[in-house]
Amino acid sequence: MSAASAGPAAAVRPDEPAIWAAMTRRSAALPRARAVTARTWSGWVYVAFVLDAYSRRIVGWQAAIHMRTDLPLDALEMALWW
């Protein structure tokens, strides 16, 4: 069976450096997000983090006593200004 008859997936070998470079650029452009809850003496606190996928650093965060939509949006806005 030739690579042309097997379809587009068989035509590209995954060990080629150009393919891995393209995959790395694509995944590095995606921010990662995480929301965490923590118990404190006075109640619960919610923290949202935005991580840079390439450097694995926290580029945005926000803490609040509620888990509403604006909590992760504020963390994302901080990350956009980073």
PDB file of N, CA and C in Angstrom:
ATOM      1  N   MET A   1       0.855  -1.172   0.000  1.00  0.00           N
ATOM      2  CA  MET A   1       0.000   0.000   0.000  1.00  0.00           C
ATOM      3  C   MET A   1       0.900   1.234   0.000  1.00  0.00           C
ATOM      4  N   SER A   2       0.667   2.155  -0.906  1.00  0.00           N
ATOM      5  CA  SER A   2       1.470   3.364  -0.980  1.00  0.00           C
ATOM      6  C   SER A   2       0.905   4.431  -0.049  1.00  0.00           C
ATOM      7  N   ALA A   3       1.719   5.468   0.192  1.00  0.00           N
ATOM      8  CA  ALA A   3       1.286   6.550   1.077  1.00  0.00           C
ATOM      9  C   ALA A   3       0.113   7.315   0.477  1.00  0.00           C
ATOM     10  N   ALA A   4       0.062   7.409  -0.850  1.00  0.00           N
ATOM     11  CA  ALA A   4      -1.024   8.143  -1.497  1.00  0.00           C
ATOM     12  C   ALA A   4      -2.352   7.415  -1.345  1.00  0.00           C
ATOM     13  N   SER A   5      -2.333   6.081  -1.375  1.00  0.00           N
ATOM     14  CA  SER A   5      -3.591   5.344  -1.258  1.00  0.00           C
ATOM     15  C   SER A   5      -4.024   5.172   0.189  1.00  0.00           C
ATOM     16  N   ALA A   6      -3.112   5.353   1.142  1.00  0.00           N
ATOM     17  CA  ALA A   6      -3.458   5.176   2.545  1.00  0.00           C
ATOM     18  C   ALA A   6      -4.134   6.400   3.142  1.00  0.00           C
ATOM     19  N   GLY A   7      -4.090   7.530   2.467  1.00  0.00           N
ATOM     20  CA  GLY A   7      -4.733   8.731   2.970  1.00  0.00           C
ATOM     21  C   GLY A   7      -3.716   9.735   3.465  1.00  0.00           C
ATOM     22  N   PRO A   8      -4.182  10.909   3.883  1.00  0.00           N
ATOM     23  CA  PRO A   8      -3.261  11.977   4.271  1.00  0.00           C
ATOM     24  C   PRO A   8      -2.498  11.688   5.562  1.00  0.00           C
ATOM     25  N   ALA A   9      -3.043  10.883   6.449  1.00  0.00           N
ATOM     26  CA  ALA A   9      -2.351  10.603   7.711  1.00  0.00           C
ATOM     27  C   ALA A   9      -1.096   9.772   7.482  1.00  0.00           C
ATOM     28  N   ALA A  10      -1.111   8.889   6.505  1.00  0.00           N
ATOM     29  CA  ALA A  10       0.048   8.053   6.237  1.00  0.00           C
ATOM     30  C   ALA A  10       1.095   8.778   5.400  1.00  0.00           C
ATOM     31  N   ALA A  11       0.717   9.876   4.750  1.00  0.00           N
ATOM     32  CA  ALA A  11       1.654  10.594   3.894  1.00  0.00           C
ATOM     33  C   ALA A  11       2.663  11.399   4.708  1.00  0.00           C
ATOM     34  N   VAL A  12       2.344  11.745   5.958  1.00  0.00           N
ATOM     35  CA  VAL A  12       3.226  12.554   6.793  1.00  0.00           C
ATOM     36  C   VAL A  12       3.723  11.696   7.943  1.00  0.00           C
ATOM     37  N   ARG A  13       5.032  11.625   8.080  1.00  0.00           N
ATOM     38  CA  ARG A  13       5.602  10.871   9.192  1.00  0.00           C
ATOM     39  C   ARG A  13       5.651  11.756  10.427  1.00  0.00           C
ATOM     40  N   PRO A  14       5.261  11.273  11.594  1.00  0.00           N
ATOM     41  CA  PRO A  14       5.228  12.120  12.788  1.00  0.00           C
ATOM     42  C   PRO A  14       6.611  12.468  13.327  1.00  0.00           C
ATOM     43  N   ASP A  15       7.666  11.831  12.824  1.00  0.00           N
ATOM     44  CA  ASP A  15       8.992  12.139  13.349  1.00  0.00           C
ATOM     45  C   ASP A  15       9.693  13.239  12.565  1.00  0.00           C
ATOM     46  N   GLU A  16       9.036  13.853  11.630  1.00  0.00           N
ATOM     47  CA  GLU A  16       9.637  14.944  10.874  1.00  0.00           C
ATOM     48  C   GLU A  16       9.680  16.199  11.743  1.00  0.00           C
ATOM     49  N   PRO A  17      10.816  16.904  11.795  1.00  0.00           N
ATOM     50  CA  PRO A  17      10.939  18.088  12.658  1.00  0.00           C
ATOM     51  C   PRO A  17       9.950  19.197  12.324  1.00  0.00           C
ATOM     52  N   ALA A  18       9.613  19.384  11.061  1.00  0.00           N
ATOM     53  CA  ALA A  18       8.676  20.455  10.696  1.00  0.00           C
ATOM     54  C   ALA A  18       7.291  20.196  11.280  1.00  0.00           C
ATOM     55  N   ILE A  19       6.891  18.953  11.314  1.00  0.00           N
ATOM     56  CA  ILE A  19       5.573  18.616  11.871  1.00  0.00           C
ATOM     57  C   ILE A  19       5.559  18.889  13.369  1.00  0.00           C
ATOM     58  N   TRP A  20       6.605  18.469  14.073  1.00  0.00           N
ATOM     59  CA  TRP A  20       6.656  18.692  15.525  1.00  0.00           C
ATOM     60  C   TRP A  20       6.741  20.178  15.839  1.00  0.00           C
ATOM     61  N   ALA A  21       7.463  20.930  15.033  1.00  0.00           N
ATOM     62  CA  ALA A  21       7.552  22.375  15.255  1.00  0.00           C
ATOM     63  C   ALA A  21       6.184  23.028  15.090  1.00  0.00           C
ATOM     64  N   ALA A  22       5.431  22.617  14.073  1.00  0.00           N
ATOM     65  CA  ALA A  22       4.090  23.171  13.860  1.00  0.00           C
ATOM     66  C   ALA A  22       3.159  22.799  15.003  1.00  0.00           C
ATOM     67  N   MET A  23       3.257  21.570  15.492  1.00  0.00           N
ATOM     68  CA  MET A  23       2.409  21.142  16.605  1.00  0.00           C
ATOM     69  C   MET A  23       2.761  21.918  17.869  1.00  0.00           C
ATOM     70  N   THR A  24       4.038  22.188  18.106  1.00  0.00           N
ATOM     71  CA  THR A  24       4.460  22.925  19.290  1.00  0.00           C
ATOM     72  C   THR A  24       3.968  24.361  19.228  1.00  0.00           C
ATOM     73  N   ARG A  25       4.076  25.000  18.063  1.00  0.00           N
ATOM     74  CA  ARG A  25       3.583  26.372  17.936  1.00  0.00           C
ATOM     75  C   ARG A  25       2.078  26.430  18.171  1.00  0.00           C
ATOM     76  N   ARG A  26       1.361  25.459  17.663  1.00  0.00           N
ATOM     77  CA  ARG A  26      -0.091  25.448  17.808  1.00  0.00           C
ATOM     78  C   ARG A  26      -0.490  25.260  19.263  1.00  0.00           C
ATOM     79  N   SER A  27       0.161  24.340  19.983  1.00  0.00           N
ATOM     80  CA  SER A  27      -0.215  24.094  21.377  1.00  0.00           C
ATOM     81  C   SER A  27       0.285  25.193  22.296  1.00  0.00           C
ATOM     82  N   ALA A  28       1.387  25.871  21.926  1.00  0.00           N
ATOM     83  CA  ALA A  28       1.900  26.944  22.765  1.00  0.00           C
ATOM     84  C   ALA A  28       1.019  28.184  22.703  1.00  0.00           C
ATOM     85  N   ALA A  29       0.255  28.339  21.639  1.00  0.00           N
ATOM     86  CA  ALA A  29      -0.603  29.508  21.502  1.00  0.00           C
ATOM     87  C   ALA A  29      -1.858  29.385  22.359  1.00  0.00           C
ATOM     88  N   LEU A  30      -2.168  28.213  22.822  1.00  0.00           N
ATOM     89  CA  LEU A  30      -3.371  28.008  23.612  1.00  0.00           C
ATOM     90  C   LEU A  30      -3.092  28.257  25.090  1.00  0.00           C
ATOM     91  N   PRO A  31      -3.829  29.158  25.719  1.00  0.00           N
ATOM     92  CA  PRO A  31      -3.647  29.338  27.160  1.00  0.00           C
ATOM     93  C   PRO A  31      -4.339  28.207  27.914  1.00  0.00           C
ATOM     94  N   ARG A  32      -3.798  27.881  29.016  1.00  0.00           N
ATOM     95  CA  ARG A  32      -4.404  26.886  29.899  1.00  0.00           C
ATOM     96  C   ARG A  32      -5.024  27.629  31.071  1.00  0.00           C
ATOM     97  N   ALA A  33      -6.142  27.147  31.563  1.00  0.00           N
ATOM     98  CA  ALA A  33      -6.830  27.814  32.671  1.00  0.00           C
ATOM     99  C   ALA A  33      -7.172  26.791  33.748  1.00  0.00           C
ATOM    100  N   ARG A  34      -7.245  27.277  34.956  1.00  0.00           N
ATOM    101  CA  ARG A  34      -7.544  26.407  36.088  1.00  0.00           C
ATOM    102  C   ARG A  34      -8.262  27.226  37.151  1.00  0.00           C
ATOM    103  N   ALA A  35      -9.281  26.669  37.758  1.00  0.00           N
ATOM    104  CA  ALA A  35      -9.984  27.297  38.873  1.00  0.00           C
ATOM    105  C   ALA A  35      -9.843  26.386  40.093  1.00  0.00           C
ATOM    106  N   VAL A  36      -9.510  26.988  41.217  1.00  0.00           N
ATOM    107  CA  VAL A  36      -9.227  26.230  42.437  1.00  0.00           C
ATOM    108  C   VAL A  36     -10.046  26.822  43.579  1.00  0.00           C
ATOM    109  N   THR A  37     -10.515  25.965  44.466  1.00  0.00           N
ATOM    110  CA  THR A  37     -11.170  26.435  45.681  1.00  0.00           C
ATOM    111  C   THR A  37     -10.277  26.101  46.864  1.00  0.00           C
ATOM    112  N   ALA A  38     -10.273  26.982  47.846  1.00  0.00           N
ATOM    113  CA  ALA A  38      -9.472  26.763  49.050  1.00  0.00           C
ATOM    114  C   ALA A  38     -10.279  27.203  50.261  1.00  0.00           C
ATOM    115  N   ARG A  39     -10.195  26.429  51.302  1.00  0.00           N
ATOM    116  CA  ARG A  39     -10.898  26.768  52.533  1.00  0.00           C
ATOM    117  C   ARG A  39      -9.983  27.601  53.418  1.00  0.00           C
ATOM    118  N   THR A  40     -10.522  28.691  53.917  1.00  0.00           N
ATOM    119  CA  THR A  40      -9.775  29.555  54.828  1.00  0.00           C
ATOM    120  C   THR A  40     -10.524  29.633  56.147  1.00  0.00           C
ATOM    121  N   TRP A  41      -9.960  30.354  57.114  1.00  0.00           N
ATOM    122  CA  TRP A  41     -10.628  30.497  58.408  1.00  0.00           C
ATOM    123  C   TRP A  41     -11.952  31.245  58.280  1.00  0.00           C
ATOM    124  N   SER A  42     -12.037  32.145  57.329  1.00  0.00           N
ATOM    125  CA  SER A  42     -13.252  32.952  57.196  1.00  0.00           C
ATOM    126  C   SER A  42     -14.219  32.432  56.129  1.00  0.00           C
ATOM    127  N   GLY A  43     -13.908  31.312  55.478  1.00  0.00           N
ATOM    128  CA  GLY A  43     -14.805  30.756  54.462  1.00  0.00           C
ATOM    129  C   GLY A  43     -14.029  30.218  53.275  1.00  0.00           C
ATOM    130  N   TRP A  44     -14.682  30.223  52.124  1.00  0.00           N
ATOM    131  CA  TRP A  44     -14.072  29.691  50.906  1.00  0.00           C
ATOM    132  C   TRP A  44     -13.539  30.832  50.053  1.00  0.00           C
ATOM    133  N   VAL A  45     -12.445  30.571  49.360  1.00  0.00           N
ATOM    134  CA  VAL A  45     -11.909  31.514  48.386  1.00  0.00           C
ATOM    135  C   VAL A  45     -11.731  30.752  47.076  1.00  0.00           C
ATOM    136  N   TYR A  46     -12.071  31.402  45.987  1.00  0.00           N
ATOM    137  CA  TYR A  46     -11.962  30.822  44.653  1.00  0.00           C
ATOM    138  C   TYR A  46     -10.868  31.565  43.894  1.00  0.00           C
ATOM    139  N   VAL A  47      -9.970  30.831  43.280  1.00  0.00           N
ATOM    140  CA  VAL A  47      -8.854  31.424  42.550  1.00  0.00           C
ATOM    141  C   VAL A  47      -8.849  30.844  41.139  1.00  0.00           C
ATOM    142  N   ALA A  48      -8.755  31.723  40.150  1.00  0.00           N
ATOM    143  CA  ALA A  48      -8.660  31.314  38.749  1.00  0.00           C
ATOM    144  C   ALA A  48      -7.273  31.693  38.237  1.00  0.00           C
ATOM    145  N   PHE A  49      -6.615  30.745  37.552  1.00  0.00           N
ATOM    146  CA  PHE A  49      -5.290  30.951  36.999  1.00  0.00           C
ATOM    147  C   PHE A  49      -5.340  30.780  35.491  1.00  0.00           C
ATOM    148  N   VAL A  50      -4.525  31.538  34.779  1.00  0.00           N
ATOM    149  CA  VAL A  50      -4.305  31.345  33.351  1.00  0.00           C
ATOM    150  C   VAL A  50      -2.815  31.081  33.188  1.00  0.00           C
ATOM    151  N   LEU A  51      -2.482  29.953  32.571  1.00  0.00           N
ATOM    152  CA  LEU A  51      -1.091  29.543  32.400  1.00  0.00           C
ATOM    153  C   LEU A  51      -0.666  29.700  30.951  1.00  0.00           C
ATOM    154  N   ASP A  52       0.565  30.165  30.746  1.00  0.00           N
ATOM    155  CA  ASP A  52       1.154  30.198  29.421  1.00  0.00           C
ATOM    156  C   ASP A  52       1.650  28.788  29.117  1.00  0.00           C
ATOM    157  N   ALA A  53       1.188  28.203  28.036  1.00  0.00           N
ATOM    158  CA  ALA A  53       1.510  26.811  27.732  1.00  0.00           C
ATOM    159  C   ALA A  53       2.978  26.630  27.368  1.00  0.00           C
ATOM    160  N   TYR A  54       3.604  27.643  26.789  1.00  0.00           N
ATOM    161  CA  TYR A  54       4.999  27.503  26.368  1.00  0.00           C
ATOM    162  C   TYR A  54       5.951  27.630  27.551  1.00  0.00           C
ATOM    163  N   SER A  55       5.815  28.687  28.326  1.00  0.00           N
ATOM    164  CA  SER A  55       6.736  28.894  29.441  1.00  0.00           C
ATOM    165  C   SER A  55       6.261  28.238  30.733  1.00  0.00           C
ATOM    166  N   ARG A  56       5.010  27.800  30.772  1.00  0.00           N
ATOM    167  CA  ARG A  56       4.392  27.173  31.948  1.00  0.00           C
ATOM    168  C   ARG A  56       4.393  28.106  33.155  1.00  0.00           C
ATOM    169  N   ARG A  57       4.225  29.393  32.881  1.00  0.00           N
ATOM    170  CA  ARG A  57       4.155  30.388  33.942  1.00  0.00           C
ATOM    171  C   ARG A  57       2.728  30.878  34.089  1.00  0.00           C
ATOM    172  N   ILE A  58       2.395  31.317  35.291  1.00  0.00           N
ATOM    173  CA  ILE A  58       1.090  31.930  35.526  1.00  0.00           C
ATOM    174  C   ILE A  58       1.146  33.346  34.977  1.00  0.00           C
ATOM    175  N   VAL A  59       0.298  33.649  34.013  1.00  0.00           N
ATOM    176  CA  VAL A  59       0.288  34.967  33.403  1.00  0.00           C
ATOM    177  C   VAL A  59      -0.930  35.783  33.810  1.00  0.00           C
ATOM    178  N   GLY A  60      -1.883  35.166  34.457  1.00  0.00           N
ATOM    179  CA  GLY A  60      -3.056  35.877  34.948  1.00  0.00           C
ATOM    180  C   GLY A  60      -3.693  35.122  36.090  1.00  0.00           C
ATOM    181  N   TRP A  61      -4.196  35.841  37.064  1.00  0.00           N
ATOM    182  CA  TRP A  61      -4.873  35.197  38.188  1.00  0.00           C
ATOM    183  C   TRP A  61      -5.867  36.175  38.796  1.00  0.00           C
ATOM    184  N   GLN A  62      -6.833  35.625  39.491  1.00  0.00           N
ATOM    185  CA  GLN A  62      -7.831  36.435  40.178  1.00  0.00           C
ATOM    186  C   GLN A  62      -8.391  35.618  41.322  1.00  0.00           C
ATOM    187  N   ALA A  63      -8.601  36.238  42.463  1.00  0.00           N
ATOM    188  CA  ALA A  63      -9.180  35.576  43.634  1.00  0.00           C
ATOM    189  C   ALA A  63     -10.451  36.315  44.040  1.00  0.00           C
ATOM    190  N   ALA A  64     -11.443  35.565  44.498  1.00  0.00           N
ATOM    191  CA  ALA A  64     -12.715  36.159  44.921  1.00  0.00           C
ATOM    192  C   ALA A  64     -13.411  35.209  45.886  1.00  0.00           C
ATOM    193  N   ILE A  65     -14.446  35.717  46.536  1.00  0.00           N
ATOM    194  CA  ILE A  65     -15.225  34.883  47.451  1.00  0.00           C
ATOM    195  C   ILE A  65     -16.435  34.272  46.754  1.00  0.00           C
ATOM    196  N   HIS A  66     -16.515  34.423  45.450  1.00  0.00           N
ATOM    197  CA  HIS A  66     -17.611  33.866  44.658  1.00  0.00           C
ATOM    198  C   HIS A  66     -17.043  33.212  43.404  1.00  0.00           C
ATOM    199  N   MET A  67     -17.816  32.305  42.824  1.00  0.00           N
ATOM    200  CA  MET A  67     -17.410  31.658  41.578  1.00  0.00           C
ATOM    201  C   MET A  67     -18.401  32.068  40.496  1.00  0.00           C
ATOM    202  N   ARG A  68     -18.266  33.305  40.045  1.00  0.00           N
ATOM    203  CA  ARG A  68     -19.108  33.816  38.976  1.00  0.00           C
ATOM    204  C   ARG A  68     -18.283  33.911  37.703  1.00  0.00           C
ATOM    205  N   THR A  69     -18.930  34.270  36.618  1.00  0.00           N
ATOM    206  CA  THR A  69     -18.281  34.323  35.317  1.00  0.00           C
ATOM    207  C   THR A  69     -17.147  35.338  35.278  1.00  0.00           C
ATOM    208  N   ASP A  70     -17.275  36.433  36.002  1.00  0.00           N
ATOM    209  CA  ASP A  70     -16.243  37.467  35.929  1.00  0.00           C
ATOM    210  C   ASP A  70     -14.926  37.039  36.584  1.00  0.00           C
ATOM    211  N   LEU A  71     -14.923  36.007  37.414  1.00  0.00           N
ATOM    212  CA  LEU A  71     -13.680  35.556  38.039  1.00  0.00           C
ATOM    213  C   LEU A  71     -12.674  35.046  37.000  1.00  0.00           C
ATOM    214  N   PRO A  72     -13.000  34.048  36.172  1.00  0.00           N
ATOM    215  CA  PRO A  72     -12.028  33.634  35.155  1.00  0.00           C
ATOM    216  C   PRO A  72     -11.830  34.673  34.049  1.00  0.00           C
ATOM    217  N   LEU A  73     -12.839  35.491  33.777  1.00  0.00           N
ATOM    218  CA  LEU A  73     -12.681  36.531  32.763  1.00  0.00           C
ATOM    219  C   LEU A  73     -11.673  37.589  33.202  1.00  0.00           C
ATOM    220  N   ASP A  74     -11.678  37.929  34.490  1.00  0.00           N
ATOM    221  CA  ASP A  74     -10.683  38.884  34.996  1.00  0.00           C
ATOM    222  C   ASP A  74      -9.279  38.291  34.933  1.00  0.00           C
ATOM    223  N   ALA A  75      -9.147  37.004  35.220  1.00  0.00           N
ATOM    224  CA  ALA A  75      -7.838  36.345  35.105  1.00  0.00           C
ATOM    225  C   ALA A  75      -7.377  36.324  33.653  1.00  0.00           C
ATOM    226  N   LEU A  76      -8.285  36.083  32.740  1.00  0.00           N
ATOM    227  CA  LEU A  76      -7.935  36.085  31.321  1.00  0.00           C
ATOM    228  C   LEU A  76      -7.565  37.487  30.839  1.00  0.00           C
ATOM    229  N   GLU A  77      -8.261  38.502  31.339  1.00  0.00           N
ATOM    230  CA  GLU A  77      -7.922  39.876  30.969  1.00  0.00           C
ATOM    231  C   GLU A  77      -6.528  40.243  31.475  1.00  0.00           C
ATOM    232  N   MET A  78      -6.177  39.800  32.684  1.00  0.00           N
ATOM    233  CA  MET A  78      -4.831  40.040  33.183  1.00  0.00           C
ATOM    234  C   MET A  78      -3.794  39.354  32.311  1.00  0.00           C
ATOM    235  N   ALA A  79      -4.102  38.136  31.868  1.00  0.00           N
ATOM    236  CA  ALA A  79      -3.171  37.393  31.015  1.00  0.00           C
ATOM    237  C   ALA A  79      -2.994  38.058  29.655  1.00  0.00           C
ATOM    238  N   LEU A  80      -4.036  38.686  29.142  1.00  0.00           N
ATOM    239  CA  LEU A  80      -3.928  39.346  27.849  1.00  0.00           C
ATOM    240  C   LEU A  80      -3.018  40.568  27.909  1.00  0.00           C
ATOM    241  N   TRP A  81      -2.928  41.205  29.059  1.00  0.00           N
ATOM    242  CA  TRP A  81      -2.059  42.375  29.214  1.00  0.00           C
ATOM    243  C   TRP A  81      -0.646  41.990  29.598  1.00  0.00           C
ATOM    244  N   TRP A  82      -0.375  40.723  29.781  1.00  0.00           N
ATOM    245  CA  TRP A  82       0.965  40.267  30.155  1.00  0.00           C
ATOM    246  C   TRP A  82       1.919  40.365  29.046  1.00  0.00           C
TER     247      TRP A  82
END
